[in-house]
């Protein structure tokens, strides 16, 4: 059983990070209608999806970019969801998107 606390995506370079950043809004638009957006639950589900993509999506640029994008979006959702739970208003973000 893999350890979630260790490296989820291995061997990331600058190109992978840029591609992951570009993939984040696309991942968000695809999965938000299904799992929601900006909640703790959606963040957890997206991070689990990122873990699955990293392990089963292939060790190539596209698989890594999708996993990074999903992890970034899931992390953002966790922060926003937890922020709203503790009364930090104004934590919303607006994203015009890349495309």
N, C-alpha and C. Protein backbone atom coordinates (compact mmCIF):
# COMPACT_ATOMS: atom_id res chain seq x y z
N UNK A 1 0.85 -1.18 0.00
CA UNK A 1 0.00 0.00 0.00
C UNK A 1 0.90 1.24 0.00
N UNK A 2 0.67 2.17 -0.92
CA UNK A 2 1.51 3.36 -0.97
C UNK A 2 1.25 4.28 0.21
N UNK A 3 2.28 4.99 0.61
CA UNK A 3 2.19 5.93 1.71
C UNK A 3 1.80 7.29 1.15
N UNK A 4 0.62 7.78 1.50
CA UNK A 4 0.12 9.06 0.96
C UNK A 4 0.98 10.22 1.44
N UNK A 5 1.63 10.09 2.57
CA UNK A 5 2.45 11.17 3.10
C UNK A 5 3.75 11.39 2.35
N UNK A 6 4.12 10.46 1.51
CA UNK A 6 5.36 10.59 0.75
C UNK A 6 5.09 11.21 -0.60
N UNK A 7 6.08 11.21 -1.46
CA UNK A 7 5.96 11.82 -2.78
C UNK A 7 4.78 11.24 -3.53
N UNK A 8 3.82 12.10 -3.86
CA UNK A 8 2.67 11.65 -4.65
C UNK A 8 3.06 11.64 -6.12
N UNK A 9 3.65 12.72 -6.58
CA UNK A 9 4.12 12.80 -7.97
C UNK A 9 5.64 12.86 -7.91
N UNK A 10 6.28 11.95 -8.57
CA UNK A 10 7.74 11.85 -8.50
C UNK A 10 8.39 12.54 -9.69
N UNK A 11 9.60 13.01 -9.49
CA UNK A 11 10.42 13.60 -10.55
C UNK A 11 9.72 14.74 -11.28
N UNK A 12 9.37 15.77 -10.55
CA UNK A 12 8.71 16.93 -11.14
C UNK A 12 9.77 17.96 -11.49
N UNK A 13 9.72 18.47 -12.72
CA UNK A 13 10.62 19.55 -13.09
C UNK A 13 9.79 20.80 -13.40
N UNK A 14 10.44 21.86 -13.83
CA UNK A 14 9.77 23.14 -14.07
C UNK A 14 8.72 23.02 -15.17
N UNK A 15 8.99 22.25 -16.19
CA UNK A 15 8.02 22.09 -17.28
C UNK A 15 6.76 21.40 -16.75
N UNK A 16 6.93 20.38 -15.92
CA UNK A 16 5.78 19.71 -15.33
C UNK A 16 4.95 20.68 -14.49
N UNK A 17 5.62 21.54 -13.74
CA UNK A 17 4.89 22.50 -12.91
C UNK A 17 4.11 23.49 -13.76
N UNK A 18 4.71 23.97 -14.84
CA UNK A 18 4.01 24.90 -15.73
C UNK A 18 2.81 24.20 -16.36
N UNK A 19 3.00 22.98 -16.84
CA UNK A 19 1.90 22.24 -17.45
C UNK A 19 0.81 21.93 -16.41
N UNK A 20 1.20 21.64 -15.19
CA UNK A 20 0.22 21.41 -14.13
C UNK A 20 -0.57 22.66 -13.80
N UNK A 21 0.12 23.80 -13.82
CA UNK A 21 -0.56 25.07 -13.58
C UNK A 21 -1.56 25.37 -14.69
N UNK A 22 -1.20 25.04 -15.92
CA UNK A 22 -2.12 25.23 -17.03
C UNK A 22 -3.28 24.23 -16.98
N UNK A 23 -3.03 23.04 -16.45
CA UNK A 23 -4.07 22.01 -16.37
C UNK A 23 -5.07 22.28 -15.24
N UNK A 24 -4.66 23.03 -14.22
CA UNK A 24 -5.52 23.24 -13.05
C UNK A 24 -6.89 23.80 -13.40
N UNK A 25 -7.01 24.88 -14.18
CA UNK A 25 -8.36 25.38 -14.48
C UNK A 25 -9.18 24.42 -15.34
N UNK A 26 -8.50 23.65 -16.18
CA UNK A 26 -9.23 22.67 -16.99
C UNK A 26 -9.77 21.55 -16.11
N UNK A 27 -8.95 21.06 -15.19
CA UNK A 27 -9.39 20.02 -14.25
C UNK A 27 -10.57 20.55 -13.43
N UNK A 28 -10.45 21.79 -12.97
CA UNK A 28 -11.49 22.39 -12.14
C UNK A 28 -12.81 22.45 -12.90
N UNK A 29 -12.78 22.86 -14.15
CA UNK A 29 -14.01 22.96 -14.94
C UNK A 29 -14.62 21.60 -15.23
N UNK A 30 -13.78 20.59 -15.35
CA UNK A 30 -14.28 19.25 -15.66
C UNK A 30 -14.91 18.60 -14.43
N UNK A 31 -14.25 18.69 -13.28
CA UNK A 31 -14.73 17.94 -12.12
C UNK A 31 -15.63 18.74 -11.18
N UNK A 32 -15.63 20.07 -11.25
CA UNK A 32 -16.46 20.87 -10.34
C UNK A 32 -17.95 20.55 -10.44
N UNK A 33 -18.50 20.33 -11.64
CA UNK A 33 -19.93 19.99 -11.67
C UNK A 33 -20.25 18.66 -10.98
N UNK A 34 -19.27 17.80 -10.85
CA UNK A 34 -19.49 16.48 -10.25
C UNK A 34 -19.25 16.49 -8.75
N UNK A 35 -18.11 17.05 -8.32
CA UNK A 35 -17.74 16.98 -6.90
C UNK A 35 -17.89 18.31 -6.17
N UNK A 36 -18.18 19.37 -6.88
CA UNK A 36 -18.31 20.67 -6.25
C UNK A 36 -17.00 21.45 -6.33
N UNK A 37 -17.01 22.61 -5.67
CA UNK A 37 -15.84 23.47 -5.72
C UNK A 37 -15.78 24.32 -4.46
N UNK A 38 -14.60 24.44 -3.88
CA UNK A 38 -14.39 25.32 -2.74
C UNK A 38 -14.83 24.75 -1.41
N UNK A 39 -15.04 23.45 -1.33
CA UNK A 39 -15.44 22.83 -0.07
C UNK A 39 -14.37 21.83 0.37
N UNK A 40 -14.42 21.49 1.64
CA UNK A 40 -13.48 20.50 2.17
C UNK A 40 -13.68 19.15 1.47
N UNK A 41 -14.94 18.79 1.24
CA UNK A 41 -15.24 17.52 0.59
C UNK A 41 -14.69 17.50 -0.84
N UNK A 42 -14.92 18.56 -1.60
CA UNK A 42 -14.42 18.58 -2.98
C UNK A 42 -12.90 18.58 -2.99
N UNK A 43 -12.29 19.27 -2.04
CA UNK A 43 -10.83 19.26 -1.96
C UNK A 43 -10.27 17.88 -1.69
N UNK A 44 -10.88 17.18 -0.76
CA UNK A 44 -10.43 15.82 -0.46
C UNK A 44 -10.59 14.89 -1.65
N UNK A 45 -11.72 14.99 -2.34
CA UNK A 45 -11.95 14.14 -3.50
C UNK A 45 -10.97 14.45 -4.63
N UNK A 46 -10.67 15.72 -4.83
CA UNK A 46 -9.73 16.10 -5.90
C UNK A 46 -8.31 15.64 -5.57
N UNK A 47 -7.94 15.70 -4.30
CA UNK A 47 -6.61 15.23 -3.90
C UNK A 47 -6.53 13.71 -4.05
N UNK A 48 -7.59 13.00 -3.72
CA UNK A 48 -7.61 11.56 -3.97
C UNK A 48 -7.52 11.27 -5.46
N UNK A 49 -8.19 12.08 -6.27
CA UNK A 49 -8.08 11.94 -7.71
C UNK A 49 -6.67 12.20 -8.20
N UNK A 50 -6.01 13.19 -7.61
CA UNK A 50 -4.62 13.49 -7.98
C UNK A 50 -3.72 12.30 -7.64
N UNK A 51 -3.97 11.69 -6.49
CA UNK A 51 -3.20 10.52 -6.10
C UNK A 51 -3.40 9.39 -7.10
N UNK A 52 -4.65 9.17 -7.51
CA UNK A 52 -4.94 8.13 -8.50
C UNK A 52 -4.30 8.44 -9.84
N UNK A 53 -4.39 9.69 -10.27
CA UNK A 53 -3.77 10.08 -11.55
C UNK A 53 -2.26 9.89 -11.51
N UNK A 54 -1.65 10.23 -10.39
CA UNK A 54 -0.20 10.09 -10.27
C UNK A 54 0.23 8.63 -10.34
N UNK A 55 -0.59 7.75 -9.79
CA UNK A 55 -0.23 6.33 -9.76
C UNK A 55 -0.66 5.56 -11.00
N UNK A 56 -1.75 5.99 -11.62
CA UNK A 56 -2.30 5.20 -12.73
C UNK A 56 -2.41 5.98 -14.03
N UNK A 57 -2.08 7.27 -14.03
CA UNK A 57 -2.21 8.10 -15.22
C UNK A 57 -1.02 8.06 -16.14
N UNK A 58 -0.02 7.33 -15.79
CA UNK A 58 1.17 7.24 -16.62
C UNK A 58 2.24 8.20 -16.15
N UNK A 59 3.47 7.78 -16.29
CA UNK A 59 4.60 8.61 -15.88
C UNK A 59 5.07 9.43 -17.08
N UNK A 60 4.16 10.25 -17.59
CA UNK A 60 4.49 11.10 -18.73
C UNK A 60 4.05 12.53 -18.41
N UNK A 61 4.33 13.45 -19.31
CA UNK A 61 4.02 14.86 -19.05
C UNK A 61 2.52 15.09 -18.83
N UNK A 62 1.68 14.45 -19.61
CA UNK A 62 0.24 14.67 -19.49
C UNK A 62 -0.28 14.11 -18.16
N UNK A 63 0.14 12.91 -17.80
CA UNK A 63 -0.29 12.33 -16.54
C UNK A 63 0.16 13.14 -15.34
N UNK A 64 1.42 13.58 -15.38
CA UNK A 64 1.93 14.41 -14.29
C UNK A 64 1.21 15.74 -14.22
N UNK A 65 0.96 16.37 -15.38
CA UNK A 65 0.28 17.67 -15.40
C UNK A 65 -1.13 17.55 -14.82
N UNK A 66 -1.85 16.49 -15.19
CA UNK A 66 -3.20 16.28 -14.67
C UNK A 66 -3.16 16.06 -13.15
N UNK A 67 -2.20 15.28 -12.67
CA UNK A 67 -2.10 15.03 -11.23
C UNK A 67 -1.74 16.30 -10.48
N UNK A 68 -0.82 17.08 -11.02
CA UNK A 68 -0.43 18.33 -10.37
C UNK A 68 -1.61 19.30 -10.35
N UNK A 69 -2.30 19.44 -11.48
CA UNK A 69 -3.45 20.34 -11.56
C UNK A 69 -4.54 19.94 -10.58
N UNK A 70 -4.83 18.64 -10.48
CA UNK A 70 -5.85 18.18 -9.55
C UNK A 70 -5.42 18.40 -8.10
N UNK A 71 -4.15 18.18 -7.81
CA UNK A 71 -3.65 18.40 -6.45
C UNK A 71 -3.70 19.87 -6.07
N UNK A 72 -3.34 20.74 -7.01
CA UNK A 72 -3.40 22.18 -6.72
C UNK A 72 -4.84 22.62 -6.49
N UNK A 73 -5.76 22.17 -7.34
CA UNK A 73 -7.16 22.54 -7.19
C UNK A 73 -7.75 21.97 -5.90
N UNK A 74 -7.41 20.73 -5.58
CA UNK A 74 -7.89 20.14 -4.34
C UNK A 74 -7.35 20.86 -3.11
N UNK A 75 -6.09 21.25 -3.17
CA UNK A 75 -5.50 21.98 -2.05
C UNK A 75 -6.17 23.34 -1.88
N UNK A 76 -6.44 23.99 -3.00
CA UNK A 76 -7.14 25.28 -2.95
C UNK A 76 -8.53 25.10 -2.32
N UNK A 77 -9.25 24.07 -2.73
CA UNK A 77 -10.57 23.81 -2.18
C UNK A 77 -10.51 23.55 -0.68
N UNK A 78 -9.52 22.79 -0.24
CA UNK A 78 -9.37 22.54 1.20
C UNK A 78 -9.15 23.83 1.97
N UNK A 79 -8.28 24.68 1.46
CA UNK A 79 -8.00 25.95 2.14
C UNK A 79 -9.25 26.82 2.18
N UNK A 80 -9.94 26.92 1.04
CA UNK A 80 -11.17 27.73 1.01
C UNK A 80 -12.25 27.15 1.90
N UNK A 81 -12.41 25.83 1.85
CA UNK A 81 -13.43 25.18 2.68
C UNK A 81 -13.15 25.32 4.16
N UNK A 82 -11.91 25.11 4.54
CA UNK A 82 -11.55 25.26 5.96
C UNK A 82 -11.63 26.71 6.38
N UNK A 83 -11.28 27.63 5.48
CA UNK A 83 -11.37 29.05 5.78
C UNK A 83 -12.80 29.47 6.05
N UNK A 84 -13.74 28.94 5.28
CA UNK A 84 -15.14 29.30 5.50
C UNK A 84 -15.66 28.67 6.79
N UNK A 85 -15.11 27.53 7.18
CA UNK A 85 -15.55 26.87 8.41
C UNK A 85 -15.12 27.63 9.65
N UNK A 86 -13.97 28.30 9.58
CA UNK A 86 -13.48 29.03 10.75
C UNK A 86 -13.82 30.51 10.68
N UNK A 87 -14.64 30.89 9.71
CA UNK A 87 -15.12 32.27 9.65
C UNK A 87 -14.24 33.23 8.90
N UNK A 88 -13.36 32.74 8.06
CA UNK A 88 -12.54 33.64 7.26
C UNK A 88 -13.29 33.95 5.97
N UNK A 89 -14.04 35.02 5.99
CA UNK A 89 -14.78 35.37 4.78
C UNK A 89 -13.85 36.09 3.83
N UNK A 90 -14.29 36.21 2.60
CA UNK A 90 -13.46 36.85 1.59
C UNK A 90 -12.41 35.90 1.04
N UNK A 91 -12.55 34.62 1.34
CA UNK A 91 -11.57 33.65 0.87
C UNK A 91 -11.87 33.15 -0.54
N UNK A 92 -12.95 33.69 -1.14
CA UNK A 92 -13.29 33.23 -2.47
C UNK A 92 -12.26 33.70 -3.48
N UNK A 93 -12.11 32.92 -4.51
CA UNK A 93 -11.24 33.31 -5.59
C UNK A 93 -12.06 33.36 -6.87
N UNK A 94 -11.64 34.20 -7.77
CA UNK A 94 -12.27 34.21 -9.08
C UNK A 94 -11.20 33.82 -10.07
N UNK A 95 -11.56 32.97 -10.97
CA UNK A 95 -10.62 32.49 -11.95
C UNK A 95 -11.19 32.70 -13.33
N UNK A 96 -10.58 33.58 -14.10
CA UNK A 96 -11.03 33.80 -15.46
C UNK A 96 -10.66 32.61 -16.32
N UNK A 97 -9.71 31.82 -15.86
CA UNK A 97 -9.31 30.64 -16.60
C UNK A 97 -8.28 30.95 -17.67
N UNK A 98 -7.67 29.91 -18.14
CA UNK A 98 -6.64 30.05 -19.15
C UNK A 98 -7.26 30.12 -20.53
N UNK A 99 -8.36 29.40 -20.73
CA UNK A 99 -8.94 29.31 -22.07
C UNK A 99 -10.27 30.00 -22.13
